[in-house]
């Protein structure tokens, strides 16, 4: 009789242990999945709502060693924290942050002196100051941030034409 009781107790303990371990794994996995889903949901809104405008993106040669890069960003119906612009040329890469504070490395084109991020459903064209990026650009890409999360590169221009 004592052996039967100890076998039943051992079985119950094993079942309780398996349930406890399963519960712990479930809670940890659920928290990880929920965190990743929240980040993914905030970036799903960005699809086709933040882009570089090829028509207004170009460069002008100032002299043999300096170019002036102009780019245009369109923002649809979405609230952004910021946009990181990456400009590369001749093996060099520079990044520029567009947020709600004027950027000293940019000049506004046709909109006064405001170099802040475009507001919802608008666009802006900027010039990069020649003392910040002097090279002929090969590639420009933008990375929007929503709710503190980077949404990755959403728009790229691989061939920048001359403005002339």
N, C-alpha and C. Protein backbone atom coordinates (compact mmCIF):
# COMPACT_ATOMS: atom_id res chain seq x y z
N UNK A 1 0.82 -1.20 0.00
CA UNK A 1 0.00 0.00 0.00
C UNK A 1 0.86 1.26 0.00
N UNK A 2 1.99 1.24 0.76
CA UNK A 2 2.85 2.41 0.83
C UNK A 2 3.50 2.70 -0.52
N UNK A 3 3.85 1.64 -1.31
CA UNK A 3 4.43 1.86 -2.61
C UNK A 3 3.44 2.51 -3.57
N UNK A 4 2.20 2.13 -3.48
CA UNK A 4 1.18 2.71 -4.36
C UNK A 4 0.98 4.18 -4.04
N UNK A 5 0.99 4.56 -2.78
CA UNK A 5 0.83 5.95 -2.39
C UNK A 5 2.02 6.77 -2.88
N UNK A 6 3.23 6.27 -2.72
CA UNK A 6 4.40 7.03 -3.16
C UNK A 6 4.43 7.16 -4.68
N UNK A 7 3.94 6.18 -5.43
CA UNK A 7 3.87 6.27 -6.88
C UNK A 7 2.86 7.34 -7.28
N UNK A 8 1.72 7.40 -6.60
CA UNK A 8 0.70 8.40 -6.89
C UNK A 8 1.24 9.80 -6.57
N UNK A 9 1.92 9.92 -5.43
CA UNK A 9 2.48 11.22 -5.03
C UNK A 9 3.55 11.65 -6.04
N UNK A 10 4.39 10.73 -6.48
CA UNK A 10 5.43 11.04 -7.46
C UNK A 10 4.81 11.49 -8.78
N UNK A 11 3.75 10.82 -9.20
CA UNK A 11 3.07 11.19 -10.44
C UNK A 11 2.46 12.58 -10.33
N UNK A 12 1.80 12.85 -9.21
CA UNK A 12 1.19 14.17 -8.99
C UNK A 12 2.27 15.25 -8.96
N UNK A 13 3.40 14.99 -8.32
CA UNK A 13 4.49 15.96 -8.27
C UNK A 13 5.07 16.21 -9.66
N UNK A 14 5.23 15.16 -10.44
CA UNK A 14 5.73 15.32 -11.81
C UNK A 14 4.77 16.16 -12.66
N UNK A 15 3.48 15.89 -12.53
CA UNK A 15 2.49 16.67 -13.28
C UNK A 15 2.53 18.13 -12.84
N UNK A 16 2.63 18.37 -11.53
CA UNK A 16 2.70 19.74 -11.01
C UNK A 16 3.96 20.44 -11.52
N UNK A 17 5.08 19.72 -11.54
CA UNK A 17 6.33 20.30 -12.03
C UNK A 17 6.24 20.65 -13.51
N UNK A 18 5.66 19.77 -14.32
CA UNK A 18 5.49 20.03 -15.75
C UNK A 18 4.58 21.24 -15.96
N UNK A 19 3.50 21.33 -15.21
CA UNK A 19 2.59 22.48 -15.32
C UNK A 19 3.29 23.79 -14.92
N UNK A 20 4.10 23.75 -13.87
CA UNK A 20 4.81 24.95 -13.43
C UNK A 20 5.81 25.41 -14.50
N UNK A 21 6.57 24.47 -15.04
CA UNK A 21 7.54 24.82 -16.07
C UNK A 21 6.84 25.34 -17.32
N UNK A 22 5.74 24.71 -17.71
CA UNK A 22 4.99 25.16 -18.88
C UNK A 22 4.46 26.58 -18.66
N UNK A 23 3.97 26.86 -17.47
CA UNK A 23 3.46 28.19 -17.16
C UNK A 23 4.55 29.25 -17.25
N UNK A 24 5.72 28.94 -16.72
CA UNK A 24 6.84 29.89 -16.76
C UNK A 24 7.25 30.15 -18.21
N UNK A 25 7.40 29.11 -19.00
CA UNK A 25 7.77 29.27 -20.41
C UNK A 25 6.71 30.08 -21.15
N UNK A 26 5.44 29.81 -20.90
CA UNK A 26 4.35 30.52 -21.55
C UNK A 26 4.39 32.02 -21.24
N UNK A 27 4.59 32.36 -19.98
CA UNK A 27 4.61 33.77 -19.57
C UNK A 27 5.79 34.49 -20.23
N UNK A 28 6.95 33.89 -20.23
CA UNK A 28 8.13 34.52 -20.84
C UNK A 28 7.93 34.67 -22.35
N UNK A 29 7.48 33.62 -23.01
CA UNK A 29 7.28 33.67 -24.46
C UNK A 29 6.21 34.69 -24.83
N UNK A 30 5.14 34.73 -24.07
CA UNK A 30 4.05 35.68 -24.35
C UNK A 30 4.53 37.12 -24.22
N UNK A 31 5.34 37.42 -23.19
CA UNK A 31 5.87 38.78 -23.03
C UNK A 31 6.76 39.17 -24.19
N UNK A 32 7.60 38.25 -24.65
CA UNK A 32 8.48 38.53 -25.79
C UNK A 32 7.66 38.78 -27.05
N UNK A 33 6.68 37.93 -27.31
CA UNK A 33 5.85 38.07 -28.50
C UNK A 33 5.04 39.38 -28.46
N UNK A 34 4.46 39.71 -27.32
CA UNK A 34 3.69 40.95 -27.20
C UNK A 34 4.56 42.18 -27.43
N UNK A 35 5.78 42.17 -26.89
CA UNK A 35 6.69 43.31 -27.09
C UNK A 35 7.02 43.46 -28.57
N UNK A 36 7.34 42.37 -29.24
CA UNK A 36 7.67 42.43 -30.66
C UNK A 36 6.47 42.82 -31.50
N UNK A 37 5.28 42.39 -31.13
CA UNK A 37 4.07 42.77 -31.86
C UNK A 37 3.79 44.26 -31.73
N UNK A 38 3.99 44.81 -30.54
CA UNK A 38 3.78 46.25 -30.34
C UNK A 38 4.72 47.05 -31.23
N UNK A 39 5.99 46.64 -31.31
CA UNK A 39 6.95 47.33 -32.17
C UNK A 39 6.55 47.20 -33.63
N UNK A 40 6.14 46.01 -34.03
CA UNK A 40 5.76 45.77 -35.43
C UNK A 40 4.50 46.56 -35.80
N UNK A 41 3.53 46.64 -34.90
CA UNK A 41 2.30 47.37 -35.18
C UNK A 41 2.57 48.84 -35.42
N UNK A 42 3.46 49.44 -34.62
CA UNK A 42 3.73 50.87 -34.81
C UNK A 42 4.40 51.12 -36.15
N UNK A 43 5.17 50.17 -36.64
CA UNK A 43 5.85 50.35 -37.93
C UNK A 43 4.98 49.94 -39.11
N UNK A 44 3.93 49.17 -38.89
CA UNK A 44 3.04 48.80 -39.98
C UNK A 44 2.37 50.04 -40.58
N UNK A 45 2.12 51.03 -39.75
CA UNK A 45 1.49 52.26 -40.21
C UNK A 45 2.36 53.04 -41.20
N UNK A 46 3.66 52.81 -41.16
CA UNK A 46 4.60 53.58 -41.97
C UNK A 46 4.56 53.20 -43.44
N UNK A 47 4.12 51.99 -43.75
CA UNK A 47 4.15 51.48 -45.12
C UNK A 47 3.53 52.46 -46.10
N UNK A 48 4.31 52.91 -47.06
CA UNK A 48 3.90 53.86 -48.11
C UNK A 48 3.47 55.23 -47.58
N UNK A 49 3.85 55.58 -46.35
CA UNK A 49 3.46 56.87 -45.80
C UNK A 49 4.65 57.80 -45.55
N UNK A 50 5.85 57.28 -45.73
CA UNK A 50 7.06 58.10 -45.60
C UNK A 50 7.96 57.72 -46.75
N UNK A 51 8.29 58.73 -47.58
CA UNK A 51 9.13 58.39 -48.73
C UNK A 51 9.92 59.59 -49.22
N UNK A 52 11.01 59.26 -49.89
CA UNK A 52 11.79 60.28 -50.58
C UNK A 52 11.11 60.58 -51.91
N UNK A 53 11.08 61.83 -52.30
CA UNK A 53 10.48 62.22 -53.56
C UNK A 53 11.58 62.38 -54.60
N UNK A 54 11.65 61.43 -55.53
CA UNK A 54 12.70 61.41 -56.55
C UNK A 54 12.71 62.68 -57.40
N UNK A 55 11.54 63.28 -57.64
CA UNK A 55 11.47 64.46 -58.50
C UNK A 55 12.26 65.65 -57.97
N UNK A 56 12.37 65.76 -56.65
CA UNK A 56 13.03 66.90 -56.04
C UNK A 56 14.32 66.51 -55.33
N UNK A 57 14.88 65.38 -55.68
CA UNK A 57 16.13 64.93 -55.08
C UNK A 57 17.21 64.93 -56.16
N UNK A 58 18.24 65.75 -55.94
CA UNK A 58 19.29 65.89 -56.95
C UNK A 58 20.52 66.54 -56.29
N UNK A 59 21.55 66.75 -57.10
CA UNK A 59 22.74 67.43 -56.60
C UNK A 59 23.21 68.47 -57.63
N UNK A 60 23.94 69.46 -57.14
CA UNK A 60 24.51 70.50 -58.00
C UNK A 60 26.01 70.57 -57.69
N UNK A 61 26.84 70.56 -58.72
CA UNK A 61 28.28 70.70 -58.51
C UNK A 61 28.60 72.17 -58.30
N UNK A 62 29.17 72.48 -57.15
CA UNK A 62 29.57 73.85 -56.82
C UNK A 62 30.94 74.13 -57.45
N UNK A 63 31.87 73.21 -57.22
CA UNK A 63 33.20 73.26 -57.85
C UNK A 63 33.68 71.82 -57.96
N UNK A 64 34.93 71.59 -58.32
CA UNK A 64 35.42 70.23 -58.56
C UNK A 64 35.45 69.38 -57.29
N UNK A 65 35.43 69.99 -56.12
CA UNK A 65 35.51 69.23 -54.87
C UNK A 65 34.24 69.31 -54.03
N UNK A 66 33.24 70.06 -54.47
CA UNK A 66 32.06 70.27 -53.63
C UNK A 66 30.78 70.16 -54.44
N UNK A 67 29.80 69.46 -53.87
CA UNK A 67 28.46 69.42 -54.47
C UNK A 67 27.44 69.85 -53.42
N UNK A 68 26.29 70.26 -53.90
CA UNK A 68 25.17 70.64 -53.04
C UNK A 68 24.07 69.60 -53.26
N UNK A 69 23.68 68.88 -52.21
CA UNK A 69 22.66 67.83 -52.33
C UNK A 69 21.31 68.36 -51.87
N UNK A 70 20.30 68.13 -52.69
CA UNK A 70 18.93 68.53 -52.36
C UNK A 70 18.09 67.25 -52.30
N UNK A 71 17.21 67.16 -51.29
CA UNK A 71 16.33 66.00 -51.19
C UNK A 71 14.96 66.44 -50.69
N UNK A 72 13.97 65.62 -51.00
CA UNK A 72 12.60 65.94 -50.62
C UNK A 72 11.97 64.75 -49.92
N UNK A 73 11.28 65.00 -48.82
CA UNK A 73 10.63 63.96 -48.03
C UNK A 73 9.13 64.22 -47.99
N UNK A 74 8.34 63.17 -48.27
CA UNK A 74 6.88 63.26 -48.15
C UNK A 74 6.44 62.38 -46.98
N UNK A 75 5.53 62.93 -46.16
CA UNK A 75 4.99 62.20 -45.01
C UNK A 75 3.48 62.15 -45.17
N UNK A 76 2.91 60.97 -45.09
CA UNK A 76 1.46 60.80 -45.20
C UNK A 76 0.79 60.97 -43.85
N UNK A 77 -0.31 60.30 -43.69
CA UNK A 77 -1.10 60.43 -42.46
C UNK A 77 -0.53 59.53 -41.37
N UNK A 78 0.52 60.02 -40.75
CA UNK A 78 1.20 59.29 -39.68
C UNK A 78 1.96 60.27 -38.80
N UNK A 79 2.05 59.98 -37.52
CA UNK A 79 2.81 60.81 -36.59
C UNK A 79 4.16 60.15 -36.36
N UNK A 80 5.21 60.86 -36.69
CA UNK A 80 6.57 60.34 -36.56
C UNK A 80 7.29 60.99 -35.40
N UNK A 81 8.20 60.24 -34.77
CA UNK A 81 9.08 60.82 -33.75
C UNK A 81 10.21 61.57 -34.44
N UNK A 82 10.80 60.90 -35.45
CA UNK A 82 11.90 61.50 -36.19
C UNK A 82 12.15 60.68 -37.45
N UNK A 83 12.99 61.21 -38.31
CA UNK A 83 13.44 60.50 -39.51
C UNK A 83 14.96 60.61 -39.54
N UNK A 84 15.63 59.49 -39.76
CA UNK A 84 17.07 59.51 -39.98
C UNK A 84 17.30 59.41 -41.48
N UNK A 85 18.05 60.35 -42.01
CA UNK A 85 18.41 60.36 -43.43
C UNK A 85 19.87 59.93 -43.52
N UNK A 86 20.13 58.96 -44.38
CA UNK A 86 21.50 58.50 -44.61
C UNK A 86 21.89 58.85 -46.04
N UNK A 87 22.97 59.61 -46.18
CA UNK A 87 23.45 60.03 -47.50
C UNK A 87 24.84 59.44 -47.68
N UNK A 88 25.04 58.71 -48.77
CA UNK A 88 26.36 58.14 -49.02
C UNK A 88 26.87 58.60 -50.38
N UNK A 89 28.17 58.75 -50.44
CA UNK A 89 28.81 59.15 -51.67
C UNK A 89 30.30 58.94 -51.60
N UNK A 90 30.86 58.35 -52.64
CA UNK A 90 32.29 58.13 -52.75
C UNK A 90 32.87 57.45 -51.51
N UNK A 91 32.15 56.46 -50.99
CA UNK A 91 32.64 55.68 -49.85
C UNK A 91 32.40 56.30 -48.49
N UNK A 92 31.78 57.45 -48.42
CA UNK A 92 31.48 58.10 -47.15
C UNK A 92 29.98 58.10 -46.89
N UNK A 93 29.61 58.03 -45.62
CA UNK A 93 28.19 58.05 -45.23
C UNK A 93 28.01 59.10 -44.15
N UNK A 94 26.99 59.91 -44.32
CA UNK A 94 26.61 60.90 -43.30
C UNK A 94 25.15 60.68 -42.96
N UNK A 95 24.80 60.87 -41.70
CA UNK A 95 23.40 60.77 -41.30
C UNK A 95 22.93 62.13 -40.79
N UNK A 96 21.67 62.38 -41.06
CA UNK A 96 21.03 63.63 -40.63
C UNK A 96 19.72 63.26 -39.96
N UNK A 97 19.47 63.85 -38.82
CA UNK A 97 18.22 63.58 -38.10
C UNK A 97 17.23 64.71 -38.35
N UNK A 98 16.05 64.34 -38.83
CA UNK A 98 14.94 65.29 -38.97
C UNK A 98 14.00 65.04 -37.80
N UNK A 99 13.80 66.05 -36.98
CA UNK A 99 12.86 65.94 -35.87
C UNK A 99 12.13 67.27 -35.72
N UNK A 100 11.67 67.57 -34.54
CA UNK A 100 10.87 68.77 -34.35
C UNK A 100 11.69 69.98 -33.91
N UNK A 101 13.01 69.88 -34.13
CA UNK A 101 13.93 70.99 -33.86
C UNK A 101 14.66 71.28 -35.17
N UNK A 102 14.87 72.55 -35.48
CA UNK A 102 15.59 72.89 -36.71
C UNK A 102 16.97 72.23 -36.72
N UNK A 103 17.38 71.76 -37.91
CA UNK A 103 18.66 71.08 -38.07
C UNK A 103 19.67 72.05 -38.68
N UNK A 104 20.80 72.23 -38.00
CA UNK A 104 21.81 73.19 -38.44
C UNK A 104 22.54 72.75 -39.70
N UNK A 105 22.46 71.47 -40.06
CA UNK A 105 23.16 70.96 -41.25
C UNK A 105 22.32 71.08 -42.53
N UNK A 106 21.11 71.62 -42.40
CA UNK A 106 20.20 71.72 -43.54
C UNK A 106 19.78 73.16 -43.80
N UNK A 107 19.35 73.38 -45.04
CA UNK A 107 18.68 74.62 -45.42
C UNK A 107 17.35 74.23 -46.03
N UNK A 108 16.31 74.98 -45.76
CA UNK A 108 15.00 74.71 -46.34
C UNK A 108 14.95 75.27 -47.76
N UNK A 109 14.24 74.58 -48.63
CA UNK A 109 14.07 75.04 -50.00
C UNK A 109 12.61 75.45 -50.18
N UNK A 110 12.38 76.73 -50.44
CA UNK A 110 11.04 77.22 -50.73
C UNK A 110 10.07 77.28 -49.57
N UNK A 111 10.51 77.02 -48.35
CA UNK A 111 9.59 77.06 -47.21
C UNK A 111 10.11 77.93 -46.08
N UNK A 112 10.89 78.92 -46.40
CA UNK A 112 11.46 79.75 -45.34
C UNK A 112 12.66 79.05 -44.72
N UNK A 113 12.84 79.22 -43.44
CA UNK A 113 14.03 78.67 -42.78
C UNK A 113 13.74 77.42 -41.96
N UNK A 114 12.53 76.91 -41.98
CA UNK A 114 12.13 75.76 -41.17
C UNK A 114 12.75 74.47 -41.70
N UNK A 115 13.63 73.86 -40.92
CA UNK A 115 14.25 72.59 -41.32
C UNK A 115 13.80 71.44 -40.42
N UNK A 116 12.62 71.57 -39.85
CA UNK A 116 12.07 70.51 -39.00
C UNK A 116 11.47 69.41 -39.87
N UNK A 117 11.12 68.31 -39.24
CA UNK A 117 10.50 67.18 -39.92
C UNK A 117 9.16 67.61 -40.54
N UNK A 118 8.80 67.10 -41.71
CA UNK A 118 7.49 67.45 -42.27
C UNK A 118 6.36 66.97 -41.35
N UNK A 119 5.31 67.76 -41.27
CA UNK A 119 4.17 67.36 -40.45
C UNK A 119 3.32 66.35 -41.22
N UNK A 120 2.29 65.85 -40.58
CA UNK A 120 1.39 64.87 -41.20
C UNK A 120 0.82 65.42 -42.50
N UNK A 121 0.77 64.55 -43.52
CA UNK A 121 0.24 64.89 -44.86
C UNK A 121 0.93 66.09 -45.49
N UNK A 122 2.25 66.12 -45.42
CA UNK A 122 2.98 67.22 -46.04
C UNK A 122 4.34 66.71 -46.52
N UNK A 123 5.06 67.60 -47.14
CA UNK A 123 6.40 67.28 -47.61
C UNK A 123 7.27 68.51 -47.54
N UNK A 124 8.57 68.29 -47.55
CA UNK A 124 9.52 69.40 -47.53
C UNK A 124 10.72 69.03 -48.37
N UNK A 125 11.34 70.07 -48.92
CA UNK A 125 12.57 69.88 -49.67
C UNK A 125 13.67 70.63 -48.91
N UNK A 126 14.82 69.96 -48.79
CA UNK A 126 15.94 70.49 -48.03
C UNK A 126 17.20 70.48 -48.89
N UNK A 127 18.16 71.32 -48.52
CA UNK A 127 19.51 71.26 -49.07
C UNK A 127 20.45 70.95 -47.92
N UNK A 128 21.38 70.03 -48.17
CA UNK A 128 22.39 69.73 -47.16
C UNK A 128 23.50 70.76 -47.30
N UNK A 129 23.87 71.38 -46.21
CA UNK A 129 24.92 72.41 -46.26
C UNK A 129 26.22 71.79 -46.76
N UNK A 130 26.90 72.52 -47.61
CA UNK A 130 28.10 71.97 -48.26
C UNK A 130 29.23 71.68 -47.28
N UNK A 131 29.26 72.34 -46.13
CA UNK A 131 30.32 72.02 -45.17
C UNK A 131 30.02 70.73 -44.39
N UNK A 132 28.79 70.19 -44.53
CA UNK A 132 28.45 68.94 -43.86
C UNK A 132 28.66 67.73 -44.78
N UNK A 133 28.24 67.84 -46.03
CA UNK A 133 28.41 66.75 -47.00
C UNK A 133 28.77 67.36 -48.34
N UNK A 134 30.05 67.27 -48.72
CA UNK A 134 30.55 67.93 -49.91
C UNK A 134 30.54 67.04 -51.15
N UNK A 135 30.37 65.74 -50.96
CA UNK A 135 30.55 64.79 -52.05
C UNK A 135 29.32 64.62 -52.91
N UNK A 136 29.52 64.08 -54.10
CA UNK A 136 28.40 63.73 -54.98
C UNK A 136 27.71 62.51 -54.36
N UNK A 137 26.42 62.59 -54.10
CA UNK A 137 25.73 61.47 -53.43
C UNK A 137 25.47 60.31 -54.40
N UNK A 138 25.64 59.09 -53.89
CA UNK A 138 25.34 57.88 -54.65
C UNK A 138 23.99 57.29 -54.23
N UNK A 139 23.67 57.47 -52.94
CA UNK A 139 22.49 56.80 -52.38
C UNK A 139 21.95 57.63 -51.22
N UNK A 140 20.63 57.73 -51.16
CA UNK A 140 19.96 58.39 -50.04
C UNK A 140 18.87 57.45 -49.55
N UNK A 141 18.79 57.27 -48.24
CA UNK A 141 17.73 56.43 -47.67
C UNK A 141 17.20 57.06 -46.39
N UNK A 142 15.94 56.74 -46.06
CA UNK A 142 15.34 57.29 -44.85
C UNK A 142 14.83 56.16 -43.96
N UNK A 143 14.97 56.42 -42.66
CA UNK A 143 14.52 55.48 -41.62
C UNK A 143 13.62 56.25 -40.66
N UNK A 144 12.31 56.00 -40.70
CA UNK A 144 11.41 56.69 -39.76
C UNK A 144 11.38 55.99 -38.39
N UNK A 145 11.07 56.77 -37.38
CA UNK A 145 10.90 56.25 -36.02
C UNK A 145 9.49 56.57 -35.56
N UNK A 146 8.79 55.55 -35.06
CA UNK A 146 7.43 55.70 -34.55
C UNK A 146 7.39 55.11 -33.15
N UNK A 147 6.86 55.85 -32.20
CA UNK A 147 6.77 55.41 -30.81
C UNK A 147 8.12 54.93 -30.28
N UNK A 148 9.18 55.61 -30.67
CA UNK A 148 10.51 55.27 -30.20
C UNK A 148 11.18 54.11 -30.92
N UNK A 149 10.49 53.48 -31.86
CA UNK A 149 11.02 52.31 -32.55
C UNK A 149 11.46 52.67 -33.97
N UNK A 150 12.62 52.14 -34.35
CA UNK A 150 13.10 52.31 -35.73
C UNK A 150 12.31 51.37 -36.63
N UNK A 151 11.83 51.89 -37.73
CA UNK A 151 11.05 51.08 -38.67
C UNK A 151 11.89 50.58 -39.83
N UNK A 152 13.19 50.77 -39.77
CA UNK A 152 14.07 50.32 -40.84
C UNK A 152 13.97 51.23 -42.05
N UNK A 153 14.76 50.92 -43.05
CA UNK A 153 14.78 51.74 -44.26
C UNK A 153 13.47 51.55 -45.02
N UNK A 154 12.76 52.65 -45.28
CA UNK A 154 11.47 52.56 -45.98
C UNK A 154 11.50 53.16 -47.37
N UNK A 155 12.50 53.96 -47.67
CA UNK A 155 12.58 54.59 -49.00
C UNK A 155 14.05 54.83 -49.35
N UNK A 156 14.41 54.47 -50.58
CA UNK A 156 15.79 54.58 -51.03
C UNK A 156 15.82 55.17 -52.43
N UNK A 157 16.79 56.04 -52.68
CA UNK A 157 17.08 56.49 -54.04
C UNK A 157 18.54 56.10 -54.29
N UNK A 158 18.74 55.21 -55.27
CA UNK A 158 20.07 54.69 -55.56
C UNK A 158 20.81 55.47 -56.64
N UNK A 159 20.10 56.26 -57.39
CA UNK A 159 20.73 57.02 -58.47
C UNK A 159 20.26 58.46 -58.37
N UNK A 160 21.14 59.33 -57.89
CA UNK A 160 20.79 60.72 -57.72
C UNK A 160 21.27 61.49 -58.95
N UNK A 161 20.34 62.17 -59.59
CA UNK A 161 20.62 62.91 -60.82
C UNK A 161 21.13 64.32 -60.50
N UNK A 162 21.75 64.93 -61.48
CA UNK A 162 22.17 66.31 -61.36
C UNK A 162 20.91 67.21 -61.44
N UNK A 163 20.91 68.29 -60.69
CA UNK A 163 19.78 69.23 -60.74
C UNK A 163 19.75 70.02 -62.03
N UNK A 164 20.85 70.06 -62.76
CA UNK A 164 20.95 70.89 -63.97
C UNK A 164 20.40 70.18 -65.18
